Amino acid sequence: MMKNQIMCPLSRRSFLLGLTCTGLAGVGAMTHAPAQAQAFPQAFSSFSVDVTPLKAKGLGPFADLVAQAALDELHRSFADRIDRRGPRFVLVITDVSMTAFTDGGSWRGRGGGGGGHDGMDGEALAVGPKGQILARHPQHAVLDVARRSTEPDEPGRAAALAQHYVRWLRRRL
């Protein structure tokens, strides 16, 4: 004996696609985008690196090492974008995280995950002549670590991470 079945005119895939589109439309209506996107300038009068947030976390000389590596890389990577009439380029580095697993491993076979990555957070600012922020670009960069755990070389890793961060800024700006 066969039971009466009601056939839905929509397939499950069509139904789910409709729900997804409806949800995305709702998200779009709820977000508040600025009236104009901030275009980052293409030429800069000078470069500086602010590591005050790192020093506030007690990183002192380590923060200075990161700042110097980032500043050197800014001068190399943006050498073709120097114009004395442009705004100042200020890189604010807010956080540096360095993994304890320098060989890319992490408690293998014991349910551990990840490991082997260093990361840096910060924000590039274009600062006008009166100190006003003309544009900002927040960024997070991650760099794989491939060093033996017996030779971690934290200063070298920090410098490489700062250089990597600035090179990504160059690509994105």
C-alpha atoms as a PDB file:
ATOM      1  CA  MET A   1       0.000   0.000   0.000  1.00  0.00           C
ATOM      2  CA  MET A   2       1.401   3.368  -1.028  1.00  0.00           C
ATOM      3  CA  LYS A   3       0.968   6.486   1.085  1.00  0.00           C
ATOM      4  CA  ASN A   4       0.119   9.793  -0.466  1.00  0.00           C
ATOM      5  CA  GLN A   5       3.206  11.890  -0.874  1.00  0.00           C
ATOM      6  CA  ILE A   6       3.149  15.606  -1.440  1.00  0.00           C
ATOM      7  CA  MET A   7       5.662  16.588  -4.052  1.00  0.00           C
ATOM      8  CA  CYS A   8       7.438  19.858  -3.455  1.00  0.00           C
ATOM      9  CA  PRO A   9       8.014  21.800  -6.679  1.00  0.00           C
ATOM     10  CA  LEU A  10      11.515  22.788  -5.432  1.00  0.00           C
ATOM     11  CA  SER A  11      14.429  20.451  -5.088  1.00  0.00           C
ATOM     12  CA  ARG A  12      16.373  20.474  -1.846  1.00  0.00           C
ATOM     13  CA  ARG A  13      19.285  22.152  -3.621  1.00  0.00           C
ATOM     14  CA  SER A  14      17.060  24.945  -4.954  1.00  0.00           C
ATOM     15  CA  PHE A  15      15.525  25.439  -1.537  1.00  0.00           C
ATOM     16  CA  LEU A  16      18.931  25.691   0.185  1.00  0.00           C
ATOM     17  CA  LEU A  17      20.255  28.009  -2.513  1.00  0.00           C
ATOM     18  CA  GLY A  18      17.248  30.268  -1.994  1.00  0.00           C
ATOM     19  CA  LEU A  19      17.831  30.346   1.762  1.00  0.00           C
ATOM     20  CA  THR A  20      21.484  31.179   1.255  1.00  0.00           C
ATOM     21  CA  CYS A  21      20.717  34.017  -1.146  1.00  0.00           C
ATOM     22  CA  THR A  22      18.085  35.393   1.197  1.00  0.00           C
ATOM     23  CA  GLY A  23      20.533  35.262   4.094  1.00  0.00           C
ATOM     24  CA  LEU A  24      23.256  37.001   2.127  1.00  0.00           C
ATOM     25  CA  ALA A  25      20.848  39.696   1.019  1.00  0.00           C
ATOM     26  CA  GLY A  26      19.969  40.293   4.664  1.00  0.00           C
ATOM     27  CA  VAL A  27      23.606  40.518   5.659  1.00  0.00           C
ATOM     28  CA  GLY A  28      24.240  43.055   2.909  1.00  0.00           C
ATOM     29  CA  ALA A  29      21.388  45.217   4.131  1.00  0.00           C
ATOM     30  CA  MET A  30      22.644  45.073   7.717  1.00  0.00           C
ATOM     31  CA  THR A  31      26.238  46.061   7.086  1.00  0.00           C
ATOM     32  CA  HIS A  32      27.145  49.715   7.238  1.00  0.00           C
ATOM     33  CA  ALA A  33      29.794  50.518   4.679  1.00  0.00           C
ATOM     34  CA  PRO A  34      31.457  53.925   4.600  1.00  0.00           C
ATOM     35  CA  ALA A  35      30.199  56.312   1.959  1.00  0.00           C
ATOM     36  CA  GLN A  36      33.565  56.246   0.172  1.00  0.00           C
ATOM     37  CA  ALA A  37      36.316  53.699   0.333  1.00  0.00           C
ATOM     38  CA  GLN A  38      39.642  55.060   1.507  1.00  0.00           C
ATOM     39  CA  ALA A  39      42.086  54.914  -1.358  1.00  0.00           C
ATOM     40  CA  PHE A  40      45.596  54.493  -0.040  1.00  0.00           C
ATOM     41  CA  PRO A  41      48.024  57.041  -1.557  1.00  0.00           C
ATOM     42  CA  GLN A  42      50.656  55.715  -3.943  1.00  0.00           C
ATOM     43  CA  ALA A  43      53.536  58.032  -2.950  1.00  0.00           C
ATOM     44  CA  PHE A  44      54.913  58.921   0.487  1.00  0.00           C
ATOM     45  CA  SER A  45      57.192  61.633   1.846  1.00  0.00           C
ATOM     46  CA  SER A  46      58.652  59.492   4.633  1.00  0.00           C
ATOM     47  CA  PHE A  47      58.390  56.176   6.429  1.00  0.00           C
ATOM     48  CA  SER A  48      58.221  55.349  10.128  1.00  0.00           C
ATOM     49  CA  VAL A  49      57.369  52.353  12.276  1.00  0.00           C
ATOM     50  CA  ASP A  50      55.514  52.633  15.587  1.00  0.00           C
ATOM     51  CA  VAL A  51      55.975  49.708  17.977  1.00  0.00           C
ATOM     52  CA  THR A  52      54.462  51.410  21.023  1.00  0.00           C
ATOM     53  CA  PRO A  53      51.835  48.627  21.358  1.00  0.00           C
ATOM     54  CA  LEU A  54      54.624  46.026  21.497  1.00  0.00           C
ATOM     55  CA  LYS A  55      56.575  48.014  24.078  1.00  0.00           C
ATOM     56  CA  ALA A  56      53.409  48.338  26.174  1.00  0.00           C
ATOM     57  CA  LYS A  57      53.372  44.528  26.252  1.00  0.00           C
ATOM     58  CA  GLY A  58      56.908  44.536  27.678  1.00  0.00           C
ATOM     59  CA  LEU A  59      58.759  43.576  24.484  1.00  0.00           C
ATOM     60  CA  GLY A  60      61.267  46.487  24.660  1.00  0.00           C
ATOM     61  CA  PRO A  61      64.450  45.616  22.699  1.00  0.00           C
ATOM     62  CA  PHE A  62      62.604  42.921  20.736  1.00  0.00           C
ATOM     63  CA  ALA A  63      60.132  45.597  19.567  1.00  0.00           C
ATOM     64  CA  ASP A  64      63.048  47.807  18.494  1.00  0.00           C
ATOM     65  CA  LEU A  65      64.497  44.928  16.452  1.00  0.00           C
ATOM     66  CA  VAL A  66      61.133  44.383  14.710  1.00  0.00           C
ATOM     67  CA  ALA A  67      60.791  48.138  14.061  1.00  0.00           C
ATOM     68  CA  GLN A  68      64.242  48.412  12.486  1.00  0.00           C
ATOM     69  CA  ALA A  69      63.697  45.364  10.248  1.00  0.00           C
ATOM     70  CA  ALA A  70      60.307  46.721   9.132  1.00  0.00           C
ATOM     71  CA  LEU A  71      61.688  50.221   8.499  1.00  0.00           C
ATOM     72  CA  ASP A  72      64.591  48.882   6.422  1.00  0.00           C
ATOM     73  CA  GLU A  73      62.156  46.802   4.358  1.00  0.00           C
ATOM     74  CA  LEU A  74      59.782  49.773   3.916  1.00  0.00           C
ATOM     75  CA  HIS A  75      62.650  51.791   2.404  1.00  0.00           C
ATOM     76  CA  ARG A  76      63.575  48.884   0.085  1.00  0.00           C
ATOM     77  CA  SER A  77      60.049  47.863  -0.941  1.00  0.00           C
ATOM     78  CA  PHE A  78      58.615  51.353  -1.419  1.00  0.00           C
ATOM     79  CA  ALA A  79      61.749  53.029  -2.827  1.00  0.00           C
ATOM     80  CA  ASP A  80      59.962  53.816  -6.082  1.00  0.00           C
ATOM     81  CA  ARG A  81      57.074  55.518  -4.258  1.00  0.00           C
ATOM     82  CA  ILE A  82      58.916  58.372  -2.553  1.00  0.00           C
ATOM     83  CA  ASP A  83      57.584  61.871  -3.241  1.00  0.00           C
ATOM     84  CA  ARG A  84      58.196  64.712  -0.778  1.00  0.00           C
ATOM     85  CA  ARG A  85      54.694  66.068  -1.484  1.00  0.00           C
ATOM     86  CA  GLY A  86      53.012  62.830  -0.378  1.00  0.00           C
ATOM     87  CA  PRO A  87      51.710  61.930   3.094  1.00  0.00           C
ATOM     88  CA  ARG A  88      53.813  60.162   5.716  1.00  0.00           C
ATOM     89  CA  PHE A  89      53.618  56.365   5.794  1.00  0.00           C
ATOM     90  CA  VAL A  90      53.350  55.125   9.383  1.00  0.00           C
ATOM     91  CA  LEU A  91      53.342  51.412  10.106  1.00  0.00           C
ATOM     92  CA  VAL A  92      51.904  50.567  13.527  1.00  0.00           C
ATOM     93  CA  ILE A  93      52.774  47.029  14.605  1.00  0.00           C
ATOM     94  CA  THR A  94      50.301  45.892  17.240  1.00  0.00           C
ATOM     95  CA  ASP A  95      51.158  42.234  17.825  1.00  0.00           C
ATOM     96  CA  VAL A  96      53.777  39.614  17.068  1.00  0.00           C
ATOM     97  CA  SER A  97      53.214  35.930  17.757  1.00  0.00           C
ATOM     98  CA  MET A  98      55.963  33.387  17.383  1.00  0.00           C
ATOM     99  CA  THR A  99      55.374  29.667  17.547  1.00  0.00           C
ATOM    100  CA  ALA A 100      57.231  27.351  19.860  1.00  0.00           C
ATOM    101  CA  PHE A 101      57.130  24.683  17.130  1.00  0.00           C
ATOM    102  CA  THR A 102      59.895  25.950  14.857  1.00  0.00           C
ATOM    103  CA  ASP A 103      60.208  22.743  12.858  1.00  0.00           C
ATOM    104  CA  GLY A 104      56.618  22.958  11.622  1.00  0.00           C
ATOM    105  CA  GLY A 105      55.494  20.109  13.855  1.00  0.00           C
ATOM    106  CA  SER A 106      53.235  19.989  16.857  1.00  0.00           C
ATOM    107  CA  TRP A 107      52.587  17.040  19.106  1.00  0.00           C
ATOM    108  CA  ARG A 108      51.979  14.771  16.147  1.00  0.00           C
ATOM    109  CA  GLY A 109      49.790  11.805  16.843  1.00  0.00           C
ATOM    110  CA  ARG A 110      48.397  13.352  20.005  1.00  0.00           C
ATOM    111  CA  GLY A 111      45.584  15.415  18.547  1.00  0.00           C
ATOM    112  CA  GLY A 112      47.582  18.640  18.372  1.00  0.00           C
ATOM    113  CA  GLY A 113      47.057  20.932  15.442  1.00  0.00           C
ATOM    114  CA  GLY A 114      48.712  23.782  13.671  1.00  0.00           C
ATOM    115  CA  GLY A 115      52.139  24.913  14.731  1.00  0.00           C
ATOM    116  CA  GLY A 116      55.004  26.143  12.663  1.00  0.00           C
ATOM    117  CA  HIS A 117      53.686  29.669  11.939  1.00  0.00           C
ATOM    118  CA  ASP A 118      54.724  33.128  13.114  1.00  0.00           C
ATOM    119  CA  GLY A 119      52.283  36.020  12.761  1.00  0.00           C
ATOM    120  CA  MET A 120      52.190  39.800  12.851  1.00  0.00           C
ATOM    121  CA  ASP A 121      49.301  42.247  13.135  1.00  0.00           C
ATOM    122  CA  GLY A 122      49.384  45.928  12.394  1.00  0.00           C
ATOM    123  CA  GLU A 123      48.061  48.808  10.406  1.00  0.00           C
ATOM    124  CA  ALA A 124      49.514  51.012   7.693  1.00  0.00           C
ATOM    125  CA  LEU A 125      48.510  54.658   7.983  1.00  0.00           C
ATOM    126  CA  ALA A 126      48.793  57.504   5.508  1.00  0.00           C
ATOM    127  CA  VAL A 127      49.203  60.597   7.690  1.00  0.00           C
ATOM    128  CA  GLY A 128      48.628  64.097   6.324  1.00  0.00           C
ATOM    129  CA  PRO A 129      50.667  67.221   7.089  1.00  0.00           C
ATOM    130  CA  LYS A 130      48.482  68.175  10.070  1.00  0.00           C
ATOM    131  CA  GLY A 131      48.541  64.683  11.585  1.00  0.00           C
ATOM    132  CA  GLN A 132      45.198  63.645  10.142  1.00  0.00           C
ATOM    133  CA  ILE A 133      44.823  60.010   9.048  1.00  0.00           C
ATOM    134  CA  LEU A 134      44.061  60.042   5.338  1.00  0.00           C
ATOM    135  CA  ALA A 135      43.839  56.258   4.881  1.00  0.00           C
ATOM    136  CA  ARG A 136      44.395  53.088   6.860  1.00  0.00           C
ATOM    137  CA  HIS A 137      45.055  49.495   5.947  1.00  0.00           C
ATOM    138  CA  PRO A 138      44.942  46.859   8.717  1.00  0.00           C
ATOM    139  CA  GLN A 139      46.748  43.623   7.954  1.00  0.00           C
ATOM    140  CA  HIS A 140      47.616  40.250   9.447  1.00  0.00           C
ATOM    141  CA  ALA A 141      50.513  38.309   7.945  1.00  0.00           C
ATOM    142  CA  VAL A 142      51.602  34.743   8.658  1.00  0.00           C
ATOM    143  CA  LEU A 143      54.953  33.192   7.848  1.00  0.00           C
ATOM    144  CA  ASP A 144      55.760  29.481   7.977  1.00  0.00           C
ATOM    145  CA  VAL A 145      58.714  28.617  10.170  1.00  0.00           C
ATOM    146  CA  ALA A 146      61.147  26.022   8.886  1.00  0.00           C
ATOM    147  CA  ARG A 147      63.922  25.869  11.455  1.00  0.00           C
ATOM    148  CA  ARG A 148      65.178  23.092  13.648  1.00  0.00           C
ATOM    149  CA  SER A 149      63.825  23.300  17.176  1.00  0.00           C
ATOM    150  CA  THR A 150      67.399  23.199  18.498  1.00  0.00           C
ATOM    151  CA  GLU A 151      68.196  26.442  16.634  1.00  0.00           C
ATOM    152  CA  PRO A 152      65.087  28.656  16.972  1.00  0.00           C
ATOM    153  CA  ASP A 153      66.832  32.047  16.214  1.00  0.00           C
ATOM    154  CA  GLU A 154      64.053  34.335  17.487  1.00  0.00           C
ATOM    155  CA  PRO A 155      65.755  37.580  16.338  1.00  0.00           C
ATOM    156  CA  GLY A 156      66.206  36.210  12.805  1.00  0.00           C
ATOM    157  CA  ARG A 157      62.616  34.965  12.708  1.00  0.00           C
ATOM    158  CA  ALA A 158      61.316  38.336  13.937  1.00  0.00           C
ATOM    159  CA  ALA A 159      63.269  40.201  11.248  1.00  0.00           C
ATOM    160  CA  ALA A 160      62.066  37.779   8.547  1.00  0.00           C
ATOM    161  CA  LEU A 161      58.474  38.197   9.760  1.00  0.00           C
ATOM    162  CA  ALA A 162      58.715  42.008   9.643  1.00  0.00           C
ATOM    163  CA  GLN A 163      60.137  41.854   6.114  1.00  0.00           C
ATOM    164  CA  HIS A 164      57.384  39.449   5.042  1.00  0.00           C
ATOM    165  CA  TYR A 165      54.732  41.762   6.515  1.00  0.00           C
ATOM    166  CA  VAL A 166      56.047  44.800   4.619  1.00  0.00           C
ATOM    167  CA  ARG A 167      56.316  42.861   1.353  1.00  0.00           C
ATOM    168  CA  TRP A 168      52.645  41.930   1.690  1.00  0.00           C
ATOM    169  CA  LEU A 169      51.826  45.590   2.288  1.00  0.00           C
ATOM    170  CA  ARG A 170      53.621  46.424  -0.954  1.00  0.00           C
ATOM    171  CA  ARG A 171      51.538  43.850  -2.835  1.00  0.00           C
ATOM    172  CA  ARG A 172      48.257  45.050  -1.351  1.00  0.00           C
ATOM    173  CA  LEU A 173      48.825  48.789  -1.592  1.00  0.00           C
END
